[in-house]
Protein backbone atom coordinates (compact mmCIF):
# COMPACT_ATOMS: atom_id res chain seq x y z
CA MET A 1 -51.19 130.49 -6.10
CA LYS A 2 -49.03 131.54 -3.16
CA GLN A 3 -47.82 134.55 -5.20
CA LEU A 4 -51.36 135.54 -6.02
CA LEU A 5 -52.30 135.41 -2.41
CA GLN A 6 -49.19 137.53 -1.42
CA LYS A 7 -50.12 140.10 -3.97
CA ILE A 8 -53.66 140.26 -2.72
CA GLN A 9 -52.55 140.39 0.90
CA TYR A 10 -49.59 142.78 0.76
CA GLN A 11 -50.35 144.90 -2.44
CA ASP A 12 -54.09 145.02 -2.46
CA ASP A 13 -53.69 143.72 -6.07
CA GLN A 14 -57.29 143.48 -7.53
CA HIS A 15 -56.02 141.89 -10.77
CA ALA A 16 -54.43 139.10 -8.78
CA PHE A 17 -57.71 138.74 -6.71
CA LYS A 18 -59.57 138.48 -10.11
CA ARG A 19 -57.28 135.73 -11.21
CA PHE A 20 -57.65 133.88 -7.95
CA TYR A 21 -61.42 134.30 -8.17
CA GLN A 22 -61.41 132.80 -11.64
CA ALA A 23 -59.31 129.87 -10.65
CA PHE A 24 -61.76 128.76 -8.00
CA PHE A 25 -65.22 130.02 -8.94
CA PHE A 26 -66.47 127.19 -11.04
CA GLN A 27 -65.42 124.33 -8.47
CA LEU A 28 -66.84 126.39 -5.56
CA TYR A 29 -70.02 127.11 -7.51
CA GLN A 30 -70.60 123.42 -8.19
CA PHE A 31 -69.98 122.68 -4.57
CA ALA A 32 -72.35 125.31 -3.33
CA TYR A 33 -74.84 124.14 -5.85
CA SER A 34 -74.81 120.57 -4.50
CA TYR A 35 -76.14 122.09 -1.23
CA VAL A 36 -78.62 124.76 -2.28
CA ARG A 37 -79.64 123.40 -5.57
CA SER A 38 -80.13 126.85 -6.96
CA LYS A 39 -77.83 128.47 -9.63
CA GLU A 40 -78.43 131.92 -8.53
CA SER A 41 -78.01 131.28 -4.80
CA ALA A 42 -74.92 129.10 -5.41
CA GLU A 43 -73.41 131.99 -7.42
CA GLU A 44 -74.31 134.52 -4.79
CA LEU A 45 -72.81 132.35 -2.04
CA VAL A 46 -69.58 131.97 -3.82
CA ASN A 47 -69.38 135.77 -4.50
CA ASP A 48 -70.25 136.47 -0.78
CA VAL A 49 -67.37 134.26 0.42
CA PHE A 50 -64.84 135.87 -2.12
CA LEU A 51 -66.19 139.36 -0.94
CA GLY A 52 -65.50 138.23 2.65
CA LEU A 53 -61.95 137.04 1.64
CA TRP A 54 -61.15 140.44 -0.01
CA GLN A 55 -62.35 142.21 2.95
CA LYS A 56 -60.14 140.06 5.20
CA ARG A 57 -57.18 139.97 2.72
CA LYS A 58 -54.76 141.34 5.29
CA THR A 59 -55.10 138.08 7.26
CA LEU A 60 -54.59 135.65 4.30
CA GLY A 61 -51.23 134.61 5.69
CA THR A 62 -52.90 133.10 8.61
CA ILE A 63 -54.81 130.53 6.42
CA GLN A 64 -52.91 127.25 6.19
CA ASN A 65 -54.60 125.57 3.34
CA ILE A 66 -56.64 127.82 1.06
CA ASN A 67 -58.42 124.97 -0.59
CA VAL A 68 -59.88 123.71 2.61
CA TYR A 69 -60.63 127.28 3.72
CA LEU A 70 -62.63 128.08 0.66
CA TYR A 71 -64.59 124.85 0.54
CA VAL A 72 -65.53 124.90 4.19
CA ALA A 73 -66.47 128.59 3.92
CA ILE A 74 -68.74 127.46 0.99
CA LYS A 75 -70.11 124.64 2.97
CA ASN A 76 -70.88 126.82 6.02
CA ALA A 77 -72.49 129.58 3.81
CA SER A 78 -74.59 127.02 2.04
CA LEU A 79 -75.79 125.38 5.31
CA ASN A 80 -76.52 128.77 6.68
CA TRP A 81 -78.49 129.71 3.59
CA LEU A 82 -80.55 126.51 3.88
CA ARG A 83 -81.34 127.23 7.51
CA LYS A 84 -82.34 130.80 6.74
CA ASN A 85 -84.57 129.70 3.98
CA LYS A 86 -86.00 126.78 6.17
CA LEU A 87 -85.19 124.24 3.49
CA GLY A 88 -83.59 121.59 5.82
CA VAL A 89 -79.92 120.96 6.36
CA PRO A 90 -78.54 117.84 4.58
CA VAL A 91 -77.76 115.19 7.21
CA SER A 92 -75.09 113.47 5.34
CA ILE A 93 -73.17 113.65 2.13
CA ASP A 94 -75.64 111.19 0.57
CA ASP A 95 -78.24 113.95 0.92
CA LEU A 96 -76.32 116.38 -1.46
CA ALA A 97 -77.30 116.89 -5.15
CA VAL A 98 -73.87 116.38 -6.77
CA HIS A 99 -73.92 116.96 -10.48
CA HIS A 100 -71.11 116.06 -12.75
CA MET A 101 -70.63 119.10 -15.17
CA GLN A 102 -67.70 118.23 -17.22
CA LEU A 103 -64.14 116.98 -16.58
CA ALA A 104 -61.53 119.81 -17.14
CA PRO A 105 -60.04 119.59 -20.52
CA THR A 106 -56.53 118.00 -20.36
CA PRO A 107 -54.36 116.80 -23.33
CA GLU A 108 -55.68 113.38 -22.78
CA ALA A 109 -59.32 114.43 -22.58
CA ILE A 110 -59.00 116.19 -25.94
CA LEU A 111 -58.10 112.87 -27.45
CA ILE A 112 -61.24 111.29 -26.14
CA SER A 113 -64.27 111.53 -28.50
CA ARG A 114 -67.34 113.38 -27.43
CA GLU A 115 -69.30 110.29 -27.32
CA TRP A 116 -66.83 108.60 -24.91
CA GLN A 117 -66.96 111.72 -22.76
CA ALA A 118 -70.67 111.61 -22.80
CA GLN A 119 -70.47 107.87 -21.56
CA ILE A 120 -67.97 108.88 -18.78
CA GLY A 121 -70.35 111.77 -17.81
CA ALA A 122 -73.34 109.41 -17.74
CA ALA A 123 -71.42 106.90 -15.64
CA ILE A 124 -70.38 109.52 -13.01
CA GLU A 125 -73.91 110.55 -12.70
CA ARG A 126 -74.96 106.94 -11.93
CA LEU A 127 -72.59 106.89 -8.94
CA PRO A 128 -74.09 107.15 -5.33
CA PRO A 129 -73.97 110.63 -4.14
CA ARG A 130 -71.11 110.18 -1.62
CA CYS A 131 -69.02 108.42 -4.26
CA LYS A 132 -69.81 111.17 -6.78
CA MET A 133 -68.96 114.06 -4.40
CA ILE A 134 -65.61 112.45 -3.36
CA PHE A 135 -64.87 111.68 -6.94
CA LYS A 136 -65.55 115.12 -8.12
CA LEU A 137 -63.52 116.79 -5.28
CA VAL A 138 -60.47 114.55 -5.83
CA LYS A 139 -60.48 113.71 -9.49
CA GLU A 140 -62.12 116.99 -11.00
CA ASP A 141 -61.22 119.61 -8.44
CA GLY A 142 -57.77 118.19 -7.69
CA LEU A 143 -58.03 118.27 -3.96
CA SER A 144 -56.03 115.91 -1.84
CA TYR A 145 -57.61 113.10 0.16
CA ARG A 146 -56.76 114.90 3.43
CA GLU A 147 -58.30 118.21 2.12
CA VAL A 148 -61.52 116.30 1.12
CA ALA A 149 -61.56 114.69 4.65
CA ALA A 150 -61.33 118.04 6.21
CA ILE A 151 -64.01 119.62 4.02
CA LEU A 152 -66.56 116.90 4.38
CA GLU A 153 -65.64 116.05 8.10
CA ILE A 154 -64.88 112.44 7.32
CA SER A 155 -61.71 110.35 7.70
CA VAL A 156 -59.04 110.11 5.07
CA LYS A 157 -59.71 106.39 5.06
CA THR A 158 -63.28 106.98 4.15
CA VAL A 159 -62.15 109.25 1.31
CA ASP A 160 -59.83 106.52 0.05
CA THR A 161 -62.58 103.89 0.34
CA GLN A 162 -65.24 105.99 -1.45
CA LEU A 163 -62.77 106.89 -4.21
CA TYR A 164 -61.91 103.21 -4.68
CA LEU A 165 -65.54 102.30 -4.77
CA ALA A 166 -66.30 105.16 -7.32
CA LEU A 167 -63.47 103.99 -9.66
CA LYS A 168 -64.49 100.29 -9.36
CA LYS A 169 -68.18 101.15 -10.23
CA LEU A 170 -67.02 103.41 -13.14
CA ALA A 171 -65.01 100.57 -14.38
CA LEU A 172 -67.73 98.20 -14.34
CA ILE A 173 -70.16 100.61 -16.04
CA LEU A 174 -67.81 101.70 -18.76
CA GLU A 175 -66.15 98.28 -19.47
CA PRO A 176 -68.85 97.19 -22.01
CA ALA A 177 -68.52 100.36 -24.08
CA LEU A 178 -64.59 100.26 -23.84
CA HIS A 179 -64.59 96.67 -24.97
CA GLU A 180 -67.09 97.40 -27.76
CA ASN A 181 -65.08 100.40 -28.97
CA THR A 182 -61.47 99.16 -28.55
CA GLY A 183 -61.58 95.46 -27.76
CA ILE A 184 -59.87 96.22 -24.37
CA THR A 185 -61.15 94.26 -21.41
CA LEU A 186 -60.48 95.43 -17.90
CA ALA A 187 -58.56 93.20 -15.70
CA SER A 188 -60.80 94.14 -12.68
CA LYS A 189 -63.45 91.74 -13.90
CA LYS A 190 -62.74 87.96 -13.15
CA ARG A 191 -63.39 85.64 -16.04
CA LYS A 192 -64.54 82.01 -15.65
CA THR A 193 -62.22 79.51 -16.93
CA SER A 194 -63.33 76.13 -18.20
């Protein structure tokens, strides 16, 4: 990523910028959508942020963490859009419309059946908004706890706690299906002994 940013900054490399844009677009689009709840507006906001980034490309070297920079820029653009359109600014993370779209395919994900992926997706949708947002940013978008804390303006401990709660709730939701399909029982559930 650093090489792409250097090519953009020092060589005005449009091809590198396109690759950079493609690497971040979907994640940032989902994040913007959680605020504005409009596909067209979310796409427009992401494109505006990237246009601004291209216009300020000579200063890219001053950005310490590009992940945090992009997510905060999207959050601010989304909040400004909501104010401009008089739609009310979310008071907390719990007011956001977080939607699980699909986990990025990995070698492990390819091995999981479509039915199991659907069950996982449904379980993620049942998470409370705060847990869902933090789960998405950490597990799907690959951001660090510190980055998520900076983006959402919460403590790292809150990120850790919310992710723990999300994983615990997912385990409880998915255990019956896992046991039915594989016979595996998760150790997180305490069993009564007679």
